[in-house]
PDB file of N, CA and C in Angstrom:
ATOM      1  N   MET A   1     113.265 100.562  45.999  1.00  0.00           N
ATOM      2  CA  MET A   1     114.555  99.918  45.816  1.00  0.00           C
ATOM      3  C   MET A   1     113.710  98.563  45.435  1.00  0.00           C
ATOM      4  N   LYS A   2     114.570  98.195  44.307  1.00  0.00           N
ATOM      5  CA  LYS A   2     113.837  96.831  43.595  1.00  0.00           C
ATOM      6  C   LYS A   2     114.521  95.906  44.871  1.00  0.00           C
ATOM      7  N   THR A   3     114.022  94.679  44.784  1.00  0.00           N
ATOM      8  CA  THR A   3     114.278  93.121  45.642  1.00  0.00           C
ATOM      9  C   THR A   3     114.717  92.188  44.976  1.00  0.00           C
ATOM     10  N   PHE A   4     115.136  91.065  45.507  1.00  0.00           N
ATOM     11  CA  PHE A   4     115.253  89.949  45.268  1.00  0.00           C
ATOM     12  C   PHE A   4     114.939  88.890  46.127  1.00  0.00           C
ATOM     13  N   ARG A   5     115.035  87.368  45.840  1.00  0.00           N
ATOM     14  CA  ARG A   5     114.570  86.369  46.943  1.00  0.00           C
ATOM     15  C   ARG A   5     115.999  86.307  47.203  1.00  0.00           C
ATOM     16  N   LEU A   6     116.279  85.884  48.669  1.00  0.00           N
ATOM     17  CA  LEU A   6     117.553  85.645  49.433  1.00  0.00           C
ATOM     18  C   LEU A   6     117.198  84.347  50.210  1.00  0.00           C
ATOM     19  N   GLN A   7     118.289  83.150  49.917  1.00  0.00           N
ATOM     20  CA  GLN A   7     118.262  82.033  50.183  1.00  0.00           C
ATOM     21  C   GLN A   7     119.861  81.558  50.840  1.00  0.00           C
ATOM     22  N   ILE A   8     119.503  81.672  52.343  1.00  0.00           N
ATOM     23  CA  ILE A   8     120.984  81.614  52.985  1.00  0.00           C
ATOM     24  C   ILE A   8     120.972  80.299  53.845  1.00  0.00           C
ATOM     25  N   ALA A   9     121.716  79.320  53.174  1.00  0.00           N
ATOM     26  CA  ALA A   9     121.282  77.711  54.151  1.00  0.00           C
ATOM     27  C   ALA A   9     123.221  77.040  54.487  1.00  0.00           C
ATOM     28  N   THR A  10     122.563  76.364  55.683  1.00  0.00           N
ATOM     29  CA  THR A  10     123.940  75.524  56.000  1.00  0.00           C
ATOM     30  C   THR A  10     123.721  74.362  55.956  1.00  0.00           C
ATOM     31  N   PRO A  11     124.031  73.567  56.534  1.00  0.00           N
ATOM     32  CA  PRO A  11     123.975  71.856  56.561  1.00  0.00           C
ATOM     33  C   PRO A  11     122.690  71.760  58.013  1.00  0.00           C
ATOM     34  N   GLN A  12     122.820  72.656  58.575  1.00  0.00           N
ATOM     35  CA  GLN A  12     121.453  72.543  59.720  1.00  0.00           C
ATOM     36  C   GLN A  12     120.154  73.393  59.001  1.00  0.00           C
ATOM     37  N   GLY A  13     120.244  73.507  57.868  1.00  0.00           N
ATOM     38  CA  GLY A  13     118.732  74.531  57.322  1.00  0.00           C
ATOM     39  C   GLY A  13     119.054  75.685  56.682  1.00  0.00           C
ATOM     40  N   LYS A  14     117.956  76.345  56.621  1.00  0.00           N
ATOM     41  CA  LYS A  14     117.774  77.697  56.008  1.00  0.00           C
ATOM     42  C   LYS A  14     118.295  78.412  57.496  1.00  0.00           C
ATOM     43  N   GLN A  15     119.129  79.299  57.263  1.00  0.00           N
ATOM     44  CA  GLN A  15     119.278  80.531  57.911  1.00  0.00           C
ATOM     45  C   GLN A  15     118.460  81.586  57.396  1.00  0.00           C
ATOM     46  N   TYR A  16     117.800  82.096  56.477  1.00  0.00           N
ATOM     47  CA  TYR A  16     117.273  83.117  55.500  1.00  0.00           C
ATOM     48  C   TYR A  16     117.102  82.487  54.695  1.00  0.00           C
ATOM     49  N   ASP A  17     115.425  83.149  54.332  1.00  0.00           N
ATOM     50  CA  ASP A  17     114.608  82.778  53.363  1.00  0.00           C
ATOM     51  C   ASP A  17     113.581  84.011  52.878  1.00  0.00           C
ATOM     52  N   GLY A  18     114.289  85.024  52.291  1.00  0.00           N
ATOM     53  CA  GLY A  18     113.132  86.017  51.985  1.00  0.00           C
ATOM     54  C   GLY A  18     113.498  87.082  51.388  1.00  0.00           C
ATOM     55  N   GLU A  19     112.749  88.350  50.917  1.00  0.00           N
ATOM     56  CA  GLU A  19     113.361  89.278  50.151  1.00  0.00           C
ATOM     57  C   GLU A  19     114.745  90.285  50.911  1.00  0.00           C
ATOM     58  N   ALA A  20     115.084  90.793  49.991  1.00  0.00           N
ATOM     59  CA  ALA A  20     116.291  91.593  50.307  1.00  0.00           C
ATOM     60  C   ALA A  20     116.530  92.174  49.425  1.00  0.00           C
ATOM     61  N   THR A  21     117.395  93.733  49.631  1.00  0.00           N
ATOM     62  CA  THR A  21     117.858  94.595  48.527  1.00  0.00           C
ATOM     63  C   THR A  21     118.603  94.679  48.156  1.00  0.00           C
ATOM     64  N   GLN A  22     120.052  93.555  49.205  1.00  0.00           N
ATOM     65  CA  GLN A  22     121.086  94.244  48.931  1.00  0.00           C
ATOM     66  C   GLN A  22     121.923  92.792  49.693  1.00  0.00           C
ATOM     67  N   LEU A  23     122.879  91.902  49.567  1.00  0.00           N
ATOM     68  CA  LEU A  23     123.532  91.078  49.812  1.00  0.00           C
ATOM     69  C   LEU A  23     125.070  91.551  49.878  1.00  0.00           C
ATOM     70  N   SER A  24     125.772  91.771  50.603  1.00  0.00           N
ATOM     71  CA  SER A  24     127.233  92.126  50.682  1.00  0.00           C
ATOM     72  C   SER A  24     127.822  91.183  51.278  1.00  0.00           C
ATOM     73  N   VAL A  25     128.882  90.441  50.801  1.00  0.00           N
ATOM     74  CA  VAL A  25     129.658  88.974  51.059  1.00  0.00           C
ATOM     75  C   VAL A  25     131.108  89.176  50.382  1.00  0.00           C
ATOM     76  N   ARG A  26     131.844  88.640  50.710  1.00  0.00           N
ATOM     77  CA  ARG A  26     133.458  88.583  50.499  1.00  0.00           C
ATOM     78  C   ARG A  26     133.467  87.484  49.431  1.00  0.00           C
ATOM     79  N   GLY A  27     134.012  87.687  48.521  1.00  0.00           N
ATOM     80  CA  GLY A  27     134.045  86.505  47.152  1.00  0.00           C
ATOM     81  C   GLY A  27     135.566  86.208  47.511  1.00  0.00           C
ATOM     82  N   LEU A  28     136.205  85.240  46.235  1.00  0.00           N
ATOM     83  CA  LEU A  28     137.491  85.276  46.245  1.00  0.00           C
ATOM     84  C   LEU A  28     138.322  86.535  45.490  1.00  0.00           C
ATOM     85  N   GLU A  29     137.841  86.848  44.777  1.00  0.00           N
ATOM     86  CA  GLU A  29     138.483  88.325  44.659  1.00  0.00           C
ATOM     87  C   GLU A  29     138.238  89.766  44.990  1.00  0.00           C
ATOM     88  N   GLY A  30     137.448  89.605  46.227  1.00  0.00           N
ATOM     89  CA  GLY A  30     137.124  90.712  47.170  1.00  0.00           C
ATOM     90  C   GLY A  30     135.694  90.884  47.573  1.00  0.00           C
ATOM     91  N   GLU A  31     135.365  92.189  47.940  1.00  0.00           N
ATOM     92  CA  GLU A  31     133.738  92.538  47.863  1.00  0.00           C
ATOM     93  C   GLU A  31     133.024  92.379  47.218  1.00  0.00           C
ATOM     94  N   LEU A  32     131.729  92.021  47.281  1.00  0.00           N
ATOM     95  CA  LEU A  32     130.501  91.790  46.592  1.00  0.00           C
ATOM     96  C   LEU A  32     129.590  92.535  46.764  1.00  0.00           C
ATOM     97  N   GLY A  33     128.389  93.199  46.039  1.00  0.00           N
ATOM     98  CA  GLY A  33     127.506  94.090  46.651  1.00  0.00           C
ATOM     99  C   GLY A  33     126.338  93.299  45.697  1.00  0.00           C
ATOM    100  N   ILE A  34     125.739  92.602  45.878  1.00  0.00           N
ATOM    101  CA  ILE A  34     124.431  92.081  44.950  1.00  0.00           C
ATOM    102  C   ILE A  34     123.384  92.955  45.270  1.00  0.00           C
ATOM    103  N   LEU A  35     122.744  93.273  44.134  1.00  0.00           N
ATOM    104  CA  LEU A  35     121.743  94.138  43.884  1.00  0.00           C
ATOM    105  C   LEU A  35     120.524  93.143  42.585  1.00  0.00           C
ATOM    106  N   ALA A  36     119.209  93.489  43.327  1.00  0.00           N
ATOM    107  CA  ALA A  36     118.296  92.805  42.200  1.00  0.00           C
ATOM    108  C   ALA A  36     118.604  93.198  40.796  1.00  0.00           C
ATOM    109  N   GLY A  37     118.542  92.293  39.732  1.00  0.00           N
ATOM    110  CA  GLY A  37     119.072  92.309  38.281  1.00  0.00           C
ATOM    111  C   GLY A  37     120.444  92.006  38.024  1.00  0.00           C
ATOM    112  N   HIS A  38     121.263  91.446  39.105  1.00  0.00           N
ATOM    113  CA  HIS A  38     122.680  91.223  38.971  1.00  0.00           C
ATOM    114  C   HIS A  38     122.890  90.187  37.596  1.00  0.00           C
ATOM    115  N   ILE A  39     123.845  90.220  37.214  1.00  0.00           N
ATOM    116  CA  ILE A  39     124.017  89.478  36.323  1.00  0.00           C
ATOM    117  C   ILE A  39     124.337  88.013  36.666  1.00  0.00           C
ATOM    118  N   PRO A  40     124.257  86.990  35.975  1.00  0.00           N
ATOM    119  CA  PRO A  40     124.168  85.684  36.468  1.00  0.00           C
ATOM    120  C   PRO A  40     125.682  85.249  37.002  1.00  0.00           C
ATOM    121  N   LEU A  41     125.634  84.721  38.170  1.00  0.00           N
ATOM    122  CA  LEU A  41     127.064  84.476  38.652  1.00  0.00           C
ATOM    123  C   LEU A  41     127.373  83.694  39.794  1.00  0.00           C
ATOM    124  N   VAL A  42     128.568  82.939  39.680  1.00  0.00           N
ATOM    125  CA  VAL A  42     128.785  81.397  40.635  1.00  0.00           C
ATOM    126  C   VAL A  42     129.896  81.650  41.124  1.00  0.00           C
ATOM    127  N   THR A  43     130.215  81.913  42.075  1.00  0.00           N
ATOM    128  CA  THR A  43     131.471  81.963  43.018  1.00  0.00           C
ATOM    129  C   THR A  43     131.474  81.292  44.517  1.00  0.00           C
ATOM    130  N   ALA A  44     132.815  81.247  44.832  1.00  0.00           N
ATOM    131  CA  ALA A  44     133.311  80.680  46.128  1.00  0.00           C
ATOM    132  C   ALA A  44     133.266  81.916  47.030  1.00  0.00           C
ATOM    133  N   VAL A  45     132.605  81.516  48.463  1.00  0.00           N
ATOM    134  CA  VAL A  45     132.696  82.719  49.373  1.00  0.00           C
ATOM    135  C   VAL A  45     133.874  82.780  50.338  1.00  0.00           C
ATOM    136  N   ARG A  46     134.366  83.674  50.818  1.00  0.00           N
ATOM    137  CA  ARG A  46     135.616  83.341  51.700  1.00  0.00           C
ATOM    138  C   ARG A  46     134.759  83.618  53.327  1.00  0.00           C
ATOM    139  N   GLU A  47     135.719  82.921  54.257  1.00  0.00           N
ATOM    140  CA  GLU A  47     135.400  83.167  55.543  1.00  0.00           C
ATOM    141  C   GLU A  47     135.307  84.765  55.860  1.00  0.00           C
ATOM    142  N   GLY A  48     134.208  85.609  56.776  1.00  0.00           N
ATOM    143  CA  GLY A  48     134.187  86.876  56.863  1.00  0.00           C
ATOM    144  C   GLY A  48     133.114  87.439  57.027  1.00  0.00           C
ATOM    145  N   ALA A  49     132.633  88.632  57.345  1.00  0.00           N
ATOM    146  CA  ALA A  49     131.630  89.257  57.485  1.00  0.00           C
ATOM    147  C   ALA A  49     130.746  89.431  55.982  1.00  0.00           C
ATOM    148  N   CYS A  50     129.311  89.246  56.075  1.00  0.00           N
ATOM    149  CA  CYS A  50     128.645  89.558  55.451  1.00  0.00           C
ATOM    150  C   CYS A  50     127.353  90.501  55.794  1.00  0.00           C
ATOM    151  N   ARG A  51     126.614  91.257  55.157  1.00  0.00           N
ATOM    152  CA  ARG A  51     125.265  91.975  55.494  1.00  0.00           C
ATOM    153  C   ARG A  51     124.395  91.167  54.125  1.00  0.00           C
ATOM    154  N   VAL A  52     123.377  91.573  55.049  1.00  0.00           N
ATOM    155  CA  VAL A  52     122.156  91.318  54.221  1.00  0.00           C
ATOM    156  C   VAL A  52     120.940  92.748  54.788  1.00  0.00           C
ATOM    157  N   TYR A  53     120.549  93.203  53.494  1.00  0.00           N
ATOM    158  CA  TYR A  53     120.023  94.768  53.659  1.00  0.00           C
ATOM    159  C   TYR A  53     118.306  93.997  53.339  1.00  0.00           C
ATOM    160  N   THR A  54     117.604  94.283  54.180  1.00  0.00           N
ATOM    161  CA  THR A  54     116.033  94.126  53.698  1.00  0.00           C
ATOM    162  C   THR A  54     115.055  95.426  52.970  1.00  0.00           C
ATOM    163  N   PRO A  55     114.045  95.150  52.600  1.00  0.00           N
ATOM    164  CA  PRO A  55     113.374  96.161  52.165  1.00  0.00           C
ATOM    165  C   PRO A  55     112.800  97.145  53.271  1.00  0.00           C
ATOM    166  N   ASP A  56     112.619  96.301  54.342  1.00  0.00           N
ATOM    167  CA  ASP A  56     112.070  97.603  54.812  1.00  0.00           C
ATOM    168  C   ASP A  56     113.309  98.477  56.248  1.00  0.00           C
ATOM    169  N   GLY A  57     114.625  98.329  55.511  1.00  0.00           N
ATOM    170  CA  GLY A  57     115.671  99.536  55.995  1.00  0.00           C
ATOM    171  C   GLY A  57     116.457  98.705  56.584  1.00  0.00           C
ATOM    172  N   VAL A  58     116.389  97.226  57.171  1.00  0.00           N
ATOM    173  CA  VAL A  58     117.175  96.878  58.256  1.00  0.00           C
ATOM    174  C   VAL A  58     118.450  96.456  57.376  1.00  0.00           C
ATOM    175  N   CYS A  59     119.681  96.432  58.197  1.00  0.00           N
ATOM    176  CA  CYS A  59     120.673  96.042  57.726  1.00  0.00           C
ATOM    177  C   CYS A  59     121.375  95.011  59.193  1.00  0.00           C
ATOM    178  N   ARG A  60     121.300  93.542  58.330  1.00  0.00           N
ATOM    179  CA  ARG A  60     121.592  92.519  59.214  1.00  0.00           C
ATOM    180  C   ARG A  60     123.133  92.175  59.189  1.00  0.00           C
ATOM    181  N   GLY A  61     124.109  92.098  60.075  1.00  0.00           N
ATOM    182  CA  GLY A  61     125.102  91.977  60.407  1.00  0.00           C
ATOM    183  C   GLY A  61     125.385  90.299  60.361  1.00  0.00           C
ATOM    184  N   ALA A  62     126.030  89.628  59.645  1.00  0.00           N
ATOM    185  CA  ALA A  62     126.625  88.170  60.068  1.00  0.00           C
ATOM    186  C   ALA A  62     127.981  87.906  59.787  1.00  0.00           C
ATOM    187  N   THR A  63     128.444  86.402  60.325  1.00  0.00           N
ATOM    188  CA  THR A  63     129.736  85.954  59.665  1.00  0.00           C
ATOM    189  C   THR A  63     129.304  84.845  58.903  1.00  0.00           C
ATOM    190  N   VAL A  64     129.783  84.519  57.889  1.00  0.00           N
ATOM    191  CA  VAL A  64     129.960  83.356  56.947  1.00  0.00           C
ATOM    192  C   VAL A  64     131.143  82.643  56.795  1.00  0.00           C
ATOM    193  N   SER A  65     131.322  81.355  56.881  1.00  0.00           N
ATOM    194  CA  SER A  65     132.620  80.362  57.501  1.00  0.00           C
ATOM    195  C   SER A  65     132.964  80.145  55.681  1.00  0.00           C
ATOM    196  N   GLY A  66     132.276  80.772  54.684  1.00  0.00           N
ATOM    197  CA  GLY A  66     132.905  80.628  53.570  1.00  0.00           C
ATOM    198  C   GLY A  66     131.640  79.453  52.985  1.00  0.00           C
ATOM    199  N   GLY A  67     131.571  79.640  51.626  1.00  0.00           N
ATOM    200  CA  GLY A  67     130.822  78.840  50.805  1.00  0.00           C
ATOM    201  C   GLY A  67     130.782  78.959  49.294  1.00  0.00           C
ATOM    202  N   PHE A  68     129.748  78.964  48.616  1.00  0.00           N
ATOM    203  CA  PHE A  68     129.163  78.929  47.327  1.00  0.00           C
ATOM    204  C   PHE A  68     128.207  80.209  47.300  1.00  0.00           C
ATOM    205  N   LEU A  69     128.139  81.057  46.325  1.00  0.00           N
ATOM    206  CA  LEU A  69     127.131  82.295  46.018  1.00  0.00           C
ATOM    207  C   LEU A  69     126.805  81.194  44.788  1.00  0.00           C
ATOM    208  N   THR A  70     125.212  81.830  44.533  1.00  0.00           N
ATOM    209  CA  THR A  70     124.965  81.560  42.967  1.00  0.00           C
ATOM    210  C   THR A  70     123.957  82.816  42.870  1.00  0.00           C
ATOM    211  N   VAL A  71     124.212  83.590  41.770  1.00  0.00           N
ATOM    212  CA  VAL A  71     123.240  84.742  41.751  1.00  0.00           C
ATOM    213  C   VAL A  71     122.592  84.500  40.441  1.00  0.00           C
ATOM    214  N   LYS A  72     121.320  85.100  40.071  1.00  0.00           N
ATOM    215  CA  LYS A  72     120.328  85.246  39.278  1.00  0.00           C
ATOM    216  C   LYS A  72     119.899  86.151  39.498  1.00  0.00           C
ATOM    217  N   PRO A  73     119.346  86.821  38.015  1.00  0.00           N
ATOM    218  CA  PRO A  73     118.762  88.138  38.436  1.00  0.00           C
ATOM    219  C   PRO A  73     117.375  88.792  39.369  1.00  0.00           C
ATOM    220  N   ASP A  74     117.046  87.705  39.669  1.00  0.00           N
ATOM    221  CA  ASP A  74     115.572  87.663  40.997  1.00  0.00           C
ATOM    222  C   ASP A  74     115.883  86.704  42.086  1.00  0.00           C
ATOM    223  N   PHE A  75     116.776  85.913  42.079  1.00  0.00           N
ATOM    224  CA  PHE A  75     117.117  84.803  43.188  1.00  0.00           C
ATOM    225  C   PHE A  75     118.497  84.662  43.282  1.00  0.00           C
ATOM    226  N   VAL A  76     118.822  84.610  44.771  1.00  0.00           N
ATOM    227  CA  VAL A  76     120.639  84.863  44.991  1.00  0.00           C
ATOM    228  C   VAL A  76     120.253  83.589  46.264  1.00  0.00           C
ATOM    229  N   ARG A  77     121.146  82.630  46.177  1.00  0.00           N
ATOM    230  CA  ARG A  77     121.431  81.668  47.123  1.00  0.00           C
ATOM    231  C   ARG A  77     123.108  81.496  47.852  1.00  0.00           C
ATOM    232  N   LEU A  78     123.198  81.716  48.951  1.00  0.00           N
ATOM    233  CA  LEU A  78     124.334  81.597  49.783  1.00  0.00           C
ATOM    234  C   LEU A  78     124.323  80.350  50.516  1.00  0.00           C
ATOM    235  N   LEU A  79     125.295  79.197  49.874  1.00  0.00           N
ATOM    236  CA  LEU A  79     125.436  77.922  50.554  1.00  0.00           C
ATOM    237  C   LEU A  79     126.640  78.057  51.388  1.00  0.00           C
ATOM    238  N   ALA A  80     126.554  77.850  52.831  1.00  0.00           N
ATOM    239  CA  ALA A  80     127.925  78.024  53.673  1.00  0.00           C
ATOM    240  C   ALA A  80     127.662  76.674  54.756  1.00  0.00           C
ATOM    241  N   ALA A  81     128.886  76.692  55.252  1.00  0.00           N
ATOM    242  CA  ALA A  81     129.168  75.516  56.209  1.00  0.00           C
ATOM    243  C   ALA A  81     128.481  75.903  57.239  1.00  0.00           C
ATOM    244  N   GLU A  82     129.022  77.164  57.688  1.00  0.00           N
ATOM    245  CA  GLU A  82     128.456  78.090  59.078  1.00  0.00           C
ATOM    246  C   GLU A  82     127.958  79.290  58.548  1.00  0.00           C
ATOM    247  N   PHE A  83     126.822  79.956  58.882  1.00  0.00           N
ATOM    248  CA  PHE A  83     125.869  80.989  59.194  1.00  0.00           C
ATOM    249  C   PHE A  83     125.910  81.781  60.594  1.00  0.00           C
ATOM    250  N   ALA A  84     125.829  82.725  60.459  1.00  0.00           N
ATOM    251  CA  ALA A  84     125.327  83.301  62.041  1.00  0.00           C
ATOM    252  C   ALA A  84     125.147  85.015  61.754  1.00  0.00           C
ATOM    253  N   PHE A  85     123.964  85.513  61.882  1.00  0.00           N
ATOM    254  CA  PHE A  85     123.518  86.750  62.179  1.00  0.00           C
ATOM    255  C   PHE A  85     124.220  87.174  63.764  1.00  0.00           C
ATOM    256  N   THR A  86     124.865  88.584  63.656  1.00  0.00           N
ATOM    257  CA  THR A  86     125.394  89.190  65.068  1.00  0.00           C
ATOM    258  C   THR A  86     124.688  90.051  65.302  1.00  0.00           C
ATOM    259  N   GLU A  87     124.308  90.942  64.238  1.00  0.00           N
ATOM    260  CA  GLU A  87     123.668  92.130  64.534  1.00  0.00           C
ATOM    261  C   GLU A  87     122.713  92.839  63.728  1.00  0.00           C
ATOM    262  N   SER A  88     121.820  93.646  63.872  1.00  0.00           N
ATOM    263  CA  SER A  88     120.809  94.220  63.481  1.00  0.00           C
ATOM    264  C   SER A  88     120.862  95.421  63.490  1.00  0.00           C
ATOM    265  N   GLU A  89     120.670  96.471  62.605  1.00  0.00           N
ATOM    266  CA  GLU A  89     120.671  97.990  62.517  1.00  0.00           C
ATOM    267  C   GLU A  89     119.705  98.547  61.774  1.00  0.00           C
ATOM    268  N   GLN A  90     119.531  99.795  61.811  1.00  0.00           N
ATOM    269  CA  GLN A  90     118.637 100.398  61.227  1.00  0.00           C
ATOM    270  C   GLN A  90     119.030 101.333  60.306  1.00  0.00           C
TER     271      GLN A  90
END
């Protein structure tokens, strides 16, 4: 599966900066699933659950307080007031 660079940052610093195969997050209009090659997008993110899928098959659950998501075909940035990983699944 293709990957993209994912950067997640809060005022406290970078929470994640690496490769990902998918990012799932809640936008203003509902759930968003971001994959490599996604069309460019800028949207607000609602408070709630988030999932980061890594190239090694791990799905990391997280909570996000809301923020902004910027998507380019090979780079995705999530800026949030608060972000915390909550679980790791295989």
